[in-house]
Protein backbone atom coordinates (compact mmCIF):
# COMPACT_ATOMS: atom_id res chain seq x y z
CA MET A 1 -14.52 20.91 18.78
CA ALA A 2 -13.58 20.84 15.09
CA LEU A 3 -16.17 21.66 12.50
CA LYS A 4 -17.63 19.08 10.05
CA GLU A 5 -18.96 19.75 6.56
CA LEU A 6 -22.45 18.62 7.60
CA GLN A 7 -22.33 20.92 10.55
CA ILE A 8 -21.22 23.87 8.30
CA LYS A 9 -23.99 23.36 5.69
CA ALA A 10 -26.59 23.17 8.48
CA LEU A 11 -25.64 26.63 9.91
CA LYS A 12 -28.45 29.13 9.60
CA PRO A 13 -28.15 32.92 9.71
CA LYS A 14 -29.19 34.83 12.77
CA GLU A 15 -30.49 38.34 13.42
CA ARG A 16 -26.76 39.33 14.18
CA LEU A 17 -23.42 38.02 12.91
CA TYR A 18 -21.89 35.19 14.69
CA ARG A 19 -18.81 32.88 14.62
CA ILE A 20 -18.35 29.16 15.11
CA ALA A 21 -14.85 28.01 16.03
CA ASP A 22 -13.00 25.14 14.28
CA SER A 23 -9.46 24.74 15.70
CA ASP A 24 -6.22 26.59 16.20
CA GLY A 25 -7.73 30.04 15.55
CA LEU A 26 -9.83 29.20 12.59
CA CYS A 27 -13.54 29.99 12.71
CA LEU A 28 -16.44 30.42 10.40
CA GLU A 29 -18.33 33.66 10.40
CA VAL A 30 -22.05 33.53 9.52
CA ALA A 31 -23.48 36.91 8.33
CA PRO A 32 -27.30 37.79 8.64
CA SER A 33 -27.54 37.57 4.97
CA GLY A 34 -26.53 33.93 5.12
CA GLY A 35 -23.10 34.42 3.73
CA LYS A 36 -20.30 32.35 5.41
CA ARG A 37 -16.57 33.58 5.61
CA TRP A 38 -13.53 31.89 7.05
CA ARG A 39 -11.54 33.89 9.59
CA PHE A 40 -8.22 33.15 11.36
CA ARG A 41 -7.81 34.81 14.82
CA TYR A 42 -4.35 35.17 16.30
CA ARG A 43 -2.15 37.45 18.39
CA PHE A 44 0.80 39.44 17.00
CA CYS A 45 2.92 41.71 19.34
CA GLY A 46 0.37 41.21 22.08
CA GLN A 47 -2.52 42.56 20.00
CA ALA A 48 -5.46 40.35 18.89
CA LYS A 49 -6.02 40.23 15.15
CA MET A 50 -8.16 38.55 12.55
CA ILE A 51 -7.72 37.96 8.75
CA SER A 52 -10.13 36.44 6.13
CA LEU A 53 -9.36 33.26 4.39
CA GLY A 54 -12.18 33.33 1.96
CA THR A 55 -15.92 32.48 1.66
CA TYR A 56 -17.49 29.11 2.07
CA PRO A 57 -18.19 27.00 -0.04
CA THR A 58 -15.81 28.48 -2.63
CA VAL A 59 -13.12 27.80 0.00
CA SER A 60 -13.75 24.36 1.52
CA LEU A 61 -13.19 23.33 5.17
CA LYS A 62 -10.01 21.51 4.09
CA ASP A 63 -8.57 24.45 2.07
CA ALA A 64 -9.51 26.84 4.94
CA ARG A 65 -7.27 24.69 7.34
CA LEU A 66 -4.47 24.68 4.81
CA ALA A 67 -4.62 28.45 4.56
CA ARG A 68 -4.73 28.73 8.30
CA ASP A 69 -1.56 26.48 8.70
CA ASP A 70 0.20 28.78 6.12
CA ALA A 71 -0.68 31.87 8.19
CA LYS A 72 0.61 30.17 11.39
CA ARG A 73 3.98 29.44 9.65
CA THR A 74 4.13 33.07 8.66
CA LEU A 75 3.34 34.01 12.22
CA SER A 76 6.01 31.63 13.61
CA ALA A 77 8.66 33.41 11.40
CA GLY A 78 7.84 36.70 13.18
CA VAL A 79 5.73 38.10 10.34
CA ASP A 80 2.26 39.42 10.74
CA PRO A 81 0.01 37.34 8.26
CA SER A 82 -2.16 40.38 7.53
CA SER A 83 0.77 42.49 6.41
CA GLN A 84 1.59 40.08 3.56
CA ALA A 85 0.22 40.28 0.06
CA GLN A 86 -0.28 36.50 -0.26
CA THR A 87 -2.10 34.18 -2.47
CA PRO A 88 -3.08 31.38 -0.06
CA ARG A 89 -3.46 27.92 -1.20
CA SER A 90 -7.18 28.09 -0.79
CA VAL A 91 -7.08 30.61 -3.67
CA THR A 92 -7.04 28.39 -6.75
CA PHE A 93 -7.74 28.68 -10.36
CA LYS A 94 -11.03 26.86 -9.73
CA SER A 95 -12.05 29.17 -6.78
CA ILE A 96 -11.34 32.24 -8.93
CA ALA A 97 -13.09 30.87 -11.93
CA GLU A 98 -16.23 30.07 -9.79
CA GLU A 99 -16.12 33.67 -8.43
CA TRP A 100 -15.71 35.05 -12.12
CA LEU A 101 -18.76 32.91 -13.19
CA GLU A 102 -20.92 34.33 -10.44
CA ALA A 103 -19.82 38.01 -11.44
CA MET A 104 -20.55 37.34 -15.17
CA ARG A 105 -23.80 35.40 -14.62
CA PRO A 106 -26.07 38.41 -14.53
CA THR A 107 -24.62 39.58 -17.87
CA TRP A 108 -25.36 36.32 -19.70
CA VAL A 109 -28.48 34.46 -20.70
CA PRO A 110 -28.83 31.31 -18.43
CA ALA A 111 -28.10 28.76 -21.08
CA HIS A 112 -24.85 30.43 -22.01
CA ALA A 113 -23.85 30.55 -18.17
CA ARG A 114 -24.55 26.90 -17.68
CA LYS A 115 -22.57 26.07 -20.92
CA VAL A 116 -19.51 27.90 -19.75
CA GLU A 117 -19.73 26.56 -16.30
CA ALA A 118 -20.02 22.91 -17.59
CA TRP A 119 -17.08 23.59 -20.11
CA LEU A 120 -14.81 24.73 -17.24
CA LYS A 121 -15.82 21.85 -14.80
CA THR A 122 -15.54 19.18 -17.47
CA ASN A 123 -12.40 20.22 -19.35
CA VAL A 124 -10.31 22.61 -17.27
CA PHE A 125 -10.70 22.05 -13.44
CA PRO A 126 -9.48 18.43 -13.46
CA PHE A 127 -6.14 19.58 -14.92
CA ILE A 128 -5.47 23.09 -13.45
CA GLY A 129 -8.33 23.86 -10.87
CA SER A 130 -6.19 23.06 -7.78
CA TYR A 131 -3.31 25.40 -8.73
CA PRO A 132 -3.08 29.07 -7.63
CA PRO A 133 -3.56 31.30 -10.58
CA ASP A 134 0.17 32.21 -11.02
CA GLU A 135 1.32 28.60 -10.49
CA VAL A 136 -0.58 27.00 -13.20
CA PRO A 137 1.73 24.96 -15.48
CA PRO A 138 1.27 26.10 -19.07
CA ALA A 139 1.70 22.62 -20.28
CA GLU A 140 -1.25 21.32 -18.09
CA LEU A 141 -3.50 23.94 -19.59
CA ARG A 142 -2.36 22.96 -23.13
CA ARG A 143 -2.97 19.33 -22.34
CA ALA A 144 -6.53 20.20 -21.35
CA LEU A 145 -7.22 22.03 -24.56
CA ALA A 146 -5.41 19.28 -26.60
CA ARG A 147 -7.89 16.68 -25.23
CA MET A 148 -10.76 18.82 -26.61
CA GLU A 149 -9.07 19.15 -30.04
CA GLU A 150 -8.54 15.45 -30.15
CA ARG A 151 -12.13 14.67 -29.76
CA GLY A 152 -12.93 17.10 -32.64
CA ALA A 153 -14.12 20.01 -30.46
CA ARG A 154 -11.79 22.55 -32.06
CA GLU A 155 -14.01 25.61 -31.83
CA SER A 156 -15.03 24.86 -28.12
CA ALA A 157 -11.37 24.51 -27.26
CA ARG A 158 -10.74 28.01 -28.53
CA LYS A 159 -13.68 29.35 -26.61
CA VAL A 160 -12.50 27.62 -23.41
CA CYS A 161 -9.09 29.01 -23.87
CA ASN A 162 -10.62 32.49 -24.19
CA TYR A 163 -12.66 31.91 -20.83
CA CYS A 164 -9.59 30.76 -19.00
CA SER A 165 -7.84 34.08 -20.26
CA MET A 166 -10.71 36.00 -18.70
CA VAL A 167 -10.31 34.12 -15.35
CA PHE A 168 -6.57 34.80 -15.34
CA ARG A 169 -7.29 38.55 -15.98
CA TYR A 170 -10.05 38.56 -13.31
CA ALA A 171 -7.46 37.12 -10.96
CA ALA A 172 -5.07 39.86 -11.76
CA ALA A 173 -7.76 42.70 -11.60
CA THR A 174 -8.64 41.35 -7.99
CA GLY A 175 -5.02 41.14 -6.72
CA ARG A 176 -4.82 37.48 -6.78
CA GLY A 177 -2.60 36.76 -9.86
CA LYS A 178 -0.36 38.58 -12.17
CA HIS A 179 -0.03 36.39 -15.34
CA ASP A 180 -2.50 35.35 -18.22
CA ILE A 181 -0.89 32.27 -19.67
CA ALA A 182 -3.96 31.58 -21.81
CA SER A 183 -3.82 34.69 -24.04
CA ALA A 184 -0.98 33.56 -26.07
CA MET A 185 -1.90 29.96 -26.07
CA LYS A 186 -4.90 30.50 -28.38
CA GLN A 187 -2.35 30.93 -31.29
CA THR A 188 -1.22 27.36 -30.70
CA LEU A 189 -4.59 25.79 -31.16
CA ILE A 190 -5.74 24.17 -34.39
CA ALA A 191 -8.17 26.44 -36.35
CA PRO A 192 -11.55 24.80 -36.63
CA GLU A 193 -12.62 23.88 -40.06
CA LYS A 194 -15.00 26.50 -41.63
CA GLY A 195 -18.30 25.08 -42.96
CA ASN A 196 -21.99 25.75 -43.06
CA PHE A 197 -24.60 23.70 -41.24
CA ALA A 198 -25.82 20.76 -43.23
CA THR A 199 -29.18 21.65 -44.98
CA MET A 200 -31.30 20.49 -47.99
CA THR A 201 -32.13 22.60 -50.96
CA ASP A 202 -33.25 19.76 -53.27
CA ALA A 203 -37.10 19.85 -53.56
CA PRO A 204 -37.67 15.99 -53.55
CA ALA A 205 -35.44 15.60 -50.63
CA ILE A 206 -37.26 18.38 -48.68
CA ALA A 207 -40.56 16.76 -49.66
CA GLN A 208 -39.56 13.43 -47.95
CA LEU A 209 -38.02 15.22 -44.93
CA LEU A 210 -41.29 17.09 -44.41
CA ARG A 211 -43.22 13.75 -44.72
CA ASP A 212 -40.95 12.06 -42.21
CA ILE A 213 -41.24 14.89 -39.78
CA HIS A 214 -45.15 14.77 -40.19
CA ILE A 215 -45.12 11.09 -39.01
CA TYR A 216 -42.54 11.36 -36.22
CA ASN A 217 -43.94 9.82 -33.19
CA GLY A 218 -41.80 11.28 -30.42
CA SER A 219 -43.19 13.51 -27.66
CA ALA A 220 -46.05 15.86 -28.62
CA VAL A 221 -44.01 18.97 -27.93
CA THR A 222 -40.89 17.65 -29.95
CA CYS A 223 -43.12 16.64 -32.86
CA LEU A 224 -44.85 20.05 -33.09
CA ALA A 225 -41.48 21.89 -32.62
CA LEU A 226 -40.02 20.00 -35.52
CA ARG A 227 -43.05 20.84 -37.68
CA LEU A 228 -42.99 24.46 -36.72
CA MET A 229 -39.34 25.19 -37.25
CA PRO A 230 -39.39 25.01 -41.01
CA LEU A 231 -42.21 27.56 -40.99
CA VAL A 232 -40.60 30.07 -38.84
CA PHE A 233 -36.92 29.29 -39.27
CA VAL A 234 -35.77 31.19 -36.22
CA ARG A 235 -32.59 30.12 -34.34
CA THR A 236 -33.10 26.86 -32.30
CA ILE A 237 -32.22 28.67 -29.00
CA GLU A 238 -34.68 31.38 -29.86
CA LEU A 239 -37.48 28.82 -30.36
CA ARG A 240 -36.78 27.05 -27.22
CA ARG A 241 -37.01 30.06 -25.09
CA ALA A 242 -40.25 31.23 -26.66
CA ARG A 243 -43.08 32.16 -24.30
CA TRP A 244 -46.85 32.29 -24.88
CA CYS A 245 -47.07 36.00 -23.82
CA ASP A 246 -44.96 36.91 -26.69
CA ILE A 247 -47.49 35.77 -29.37
CA ASP A 248 -50.05 38.24 -30.59
CA TRP A 249 -52.90 35.92 -31.78
CA ASP A 250 -54.94 38.71 -33.33
CA ALA A 251 -52.16 40.31 -35.28
CA ARG A 252 -50.84 36.93 -36.03
CA LEU A 253 -47.16 37.98 -35.02
CA TRP A 254 -44.77 36.37 -32.87
CA ASN A 255 -42.43 38.83 -30.97
CA PHE A 256 -39.11 37.76 -29.67
CA PRO A 257 -37.79 40.06 -27.11
CA ARG A 258 -34.26 41.39 -27.62
CA GLN A 259 -32.92 39.59 -24.53
CA HIS A 260 -33.83 36.21 -25.98
CA MET A 261 -32.19 36.96 -29.36
CA LYS A 262 -28.55 36.24 -30.40
CA THR A 263 -28.33 39.74 -31.92
CA LYS A 264 -29.89 41.44 -28.88
CA VAL A 265 -32.42 43.03 -31.25
CA GLN A 266 -36.18 42.57 -31.04
CA HIS A 267 -37.46 40.18 -33.84
CA ILE A 268 -40.95 39.87 -35.05
CA VAL A 269 -42.10 36.58 -37.13
CA PRO A 270 -45.34 36.94 -39.14
CA LEU A 271 -47.33 33.68 -38.50
CA SER A 272 -48.70 31.91 -41.45
CA ARG A 273 -52.06 30.07 -41.05
CA GLN A 274 -50.12 26.57 -40.77
CA ALA A 275 -47.93 28.10 -38.14
CA LEU A 276 -50.82 29.29 -36.05
CA GLU A 277 -52.49 25.95 -36.34
CA ILE A 278 -49.49 24.19 -34.79
CA LEU A 279 -49.15 26.79 -32.13
CA ARG A 280 -52.87 26.21 -31.06
CA GLU A 281 -52.31 22.48 -30.92
CA LEU A 282 -49.10 23.03 -28.97
CA ARG A 283 -50.93 25.10 -26.35
CA LEU A 284 -52.73 21.87 -25.33
CA PHE A 285 -49.52 20.18 -24.42
CA ALA A 286 -47.76 23.29 -22.96
CA PRO A 287 -50.12 25.02 -20.71
CA GLY A 288 -47.42 26.90 -18.67
CA ASP A 289 -45.39 29.94 -19.53
CA LEU A 290 -43.05 28.21 -21.98
CA CYS A 291 -44.03 27.15 -25.47
CA PHE A 292 -41.59 24.43 -25.47
CA PRO A 293 -40.95 23.19 -21.85
CA GLY A 294 -38.52 20.44 -21.12
CA VAL A 295 -39.74 16.92 -20.47
CA ARG A 296 -38.44 16.62 -16.92
CA GLN A 297 -38.71 20.36 -15.95
CA SER A 298 -41.61 22.11 -17.25
CA ASP A 299 -40.33 25.49 -15.96
CA ARG A 300 -37.07 25.21 -18.10
CA PRO A 301 -36.95 25.03 -21.93
CA MET A 302 -36.38 21.96 -23.74
CA SER A 303 -32.87 20.73 -24.20
CA GLU A 304 -31.01 22.20 -27.22
CA ALA A 305 -30.31 18.58 -28.48
CA THR A 306 -33.89 17.47 -28.44
CA MET A 307 -34.89 18.37 -31.97
CA LEU A 308 -31.54 17.28 -33.23
CA ARG A 309 -31.97 13.92 -31.64
CA ALA A 310 -35.41 13.52 -33.32
CA LEU A 311 -33.82 14.34 -36.70
CA ARG A 312 -31.23 11.59 -36.12
CA SER A 313 -33.90 9.12 -35.08
CA LEU A 314 -35.57 9.75 -38.34
CA GLY A 315 -32.40 8.61 -40.13
CA TYR A 316 -30.92 11.99 -41.04
CA SER A 317 -27.04 12.22 -40.29
CA GLY A 318 -25.19 15.35 -39.39
CA GLU A 319 -23.95 15.51 -42.89
CA GLU A 320 -27.40 15.50 -44.29
CA MET A 321 -29.65 17.90 -42.07
CA THR A 322 -29.43 19.89 -39.04
CA VAL A 323 -32.06 21.94 -37.18
CA HIS A 324 -30.18 25.15 -38.08
CA GLY A 325 -30.21 23.99 -41.59
CA PHE A 326 -33.97 24.98 -42.01
CA ARG A 327 -32.73 28.66 -41.99
CA HIS A 328 -30.32 27.94 -44.67
CA MET A 329 -32.93 26.07 -46.65
CA ALA A 330 -35.44 28.98 -46.45
CA SER A 331 -32.75 31.67 -47.30
CA THR A 332 -31.48 29.64 -50.35
CA LEU A 333 -34.88 28.86 -51.89
CA LEU A 334 -36.52 32.23 -51.05
CA ASN A 335 -33.54 33.98 -52.69
CA GLU A 336 -33.70 31.70 -55.76
CA ALA A 337 -37.29 32.56 -56.15
CA GLY A 338 -36.60 36.28 -56.29
CA TRP A 339 -37.96 37.47 -52.99
CA ASN A 340 -36.44 40.64 -51.61
CA ARG A 341 -33.03 39.80 -50.31
CA ASP A 342 -33.36 42.57 -47.45
CA ALA A 343 -36.69 41.18 -46.47
CA ILE A 344 -35.23 37.73 -46.24
CA GLU A 345 -32.26 38.92 -44.07
CA ARG A 346 -34.59 40.67 -41.78
CA GLN A 347 -36.67 37.58 -41.51
CA LEU A 348 -33.56 35.69 -40.73
CA SER A 349 -32.81 38.32 -37.95
CA HIS A 350 -29.32 38.74 -39.34
CA SER A 351 -27.60 41.72 -37.59
CA ASP A 352 -27.63 44.99 -39.45
CA LYS A 353 -24.24 46.64 -39.80
CA ASP A 354 -25.97 49.92 -38.75
CA SER A 355 -26.61 49.11 -35.04
CA ILE A 356 -28.96 52.03 -34.70
CA ARG A 357 -30.97 51.10 -37.84
CA GLY A 358 -31.12 47.41 -36.64
CA THR A 359 -32.37 48.46 -33.29
CA TYR A 360 -35.42 50.44 -34.41
CA ASN A 361 -36.28 48.62 -37.60
CA HIS A 362 -37.30 45.10 -36.18
CA ALA A 363 -40.63 45.57 -38.12
CA GLU A 364 -38.98 46.52 -41.40
CA TYR A 365 -40.58 45.09 -44.47
CA LEU A 366 -43.34 43.48 -42.36
CA PRO A 367 -46.12 43.54 -44.90
CA LEU A 368 -43.82 41.85 -47.49
CA ARG A 369 -42.53 39.39 -44.80
CA THR A 370 -46.04 38.53 -43.99
CA GLN A 371 -46.73 37.64 -47.64
CA MET A 372 -43.30 35.86 -48.00
CA MET A 373 -43.99 33.67 -44.84
CA GLN A 374 -47.45 32.58 -45.99
CA ALA A 375 -46.24 31.78 -49.52
CA TRP A 376 -43.41 29.82 -47.89
CA ALA A 377 -45.70 27.79 -45.73
CA ASP A 378 -48.08 27.08 -48.62
CA TYR A 379 -45.06 25.93 -50.62
CA LEU A 380 -43.89 23.48 -47.80
CA ASP A 381 -47.44 22.06 -47.64
CA ALA A 382 -47.46 21.45 -51.47
CA LEU A 383 -44.15 19.78 -51.28
CA ARG A 384 -45.20 17.39 -48.43
CA GLU A 385 -48.12 16.41 -50.45
CA TRP A 386 -46.33 16.05 -53.78
CA GLN A 387 -46.11 12.35 -55.22
CA PRO A 388 -43.11 11.28 -57.23
CA GLY A 389 -43.87 11.00 -60.71
CA THR A 390 -45.95 14.20 -60.69
CA PRO A 391 -44.80 17.91 -61.47
CA LEU A 392 -43.06 19.40 -58.55
CA PRO A 393 -44.72 22.48 -57.02
CA GLY A 394 -42.91 25.80 -57.28
CA LEU A 395 -42.42 28.52 -54.76
CA PRO A 396 -44.28 31.60 -55.59
CA VAL A 397 -41.99 34.45 -56.81
CA CYS A 398 -41.92 37.81 -54.96
CA PRO A 399 -44.99 39.92 -56.06
């Protein structure tokens, strides 16, 4: 009796490997580990033989039957299917890409893996996912990338093209493809416009922004994240992944492990008195492992768009201010006030050209940075309390 998808999904592993027949020699093999592999059993020159047609669910029931039919046609022509180096219909760009994603996942942070997977599912698979790697029409891949360019996602289009190139090369390395049509296509893409993240460096505008953030009435975690960001000016992704176990309350230091950093180098943030107060309040609303849990799933960090949406709800457009803009704001004003440039760069966790020096000097300039972060927090407090018509407070200069 032919198999059905629901039946396949319900199959459980047993102590020993077993097989369930579908039809015309196709069967599904279930390993003790739980893995499921399609097999085609046949006879050639009087000898019983069997070949693999891929793993489930990467190769669906429909695709497995198509691959079996291809093998039967090969057999009817007097050729042993196992002797042919073939790329069955079941091996598609989509199945190869999914296999490549699983191979790469352990080397990426979870957020990056989810982003790459979403990019391919949304922008690439609908156009070329069903083609075997060496049969992908270049025009179809270019059309997929052109759609991204048309909606303004030029930089994302270049990245997606690069990931497609990696998939084609993975197919070649595993004997299921020969050509990488994406490698040269990157030269045909529109170069993204270069530009910095929108920020504010005008003191009265910053003062109003800080007041608006202070009265924001969104969720408690989002409110506190927005208030904390100007005080620590780490990258958004680094703040979102932060865990309570990385805070040294006694030493007033926030340790960001290397695996959570863009630069893959450990980073230390001296905590001002104001930052510590916000974190203590935040602890009441985030009792779990994460400092900034998601609204719907407390075991996952808040969405990368959460704080950005909060800024937009306060009336700040993308041309006026971004969350990343707090880093530019701090860098500009601290440099203008004469603070040590190297200390500022270290506080921003900008990569050191000397990789060895960067790896071991995560605590470099720490006493000076501790002074700087407290002076910066005091300045922001003074700005928030400033009233138009009175003298503007000044940022203390480097001692």
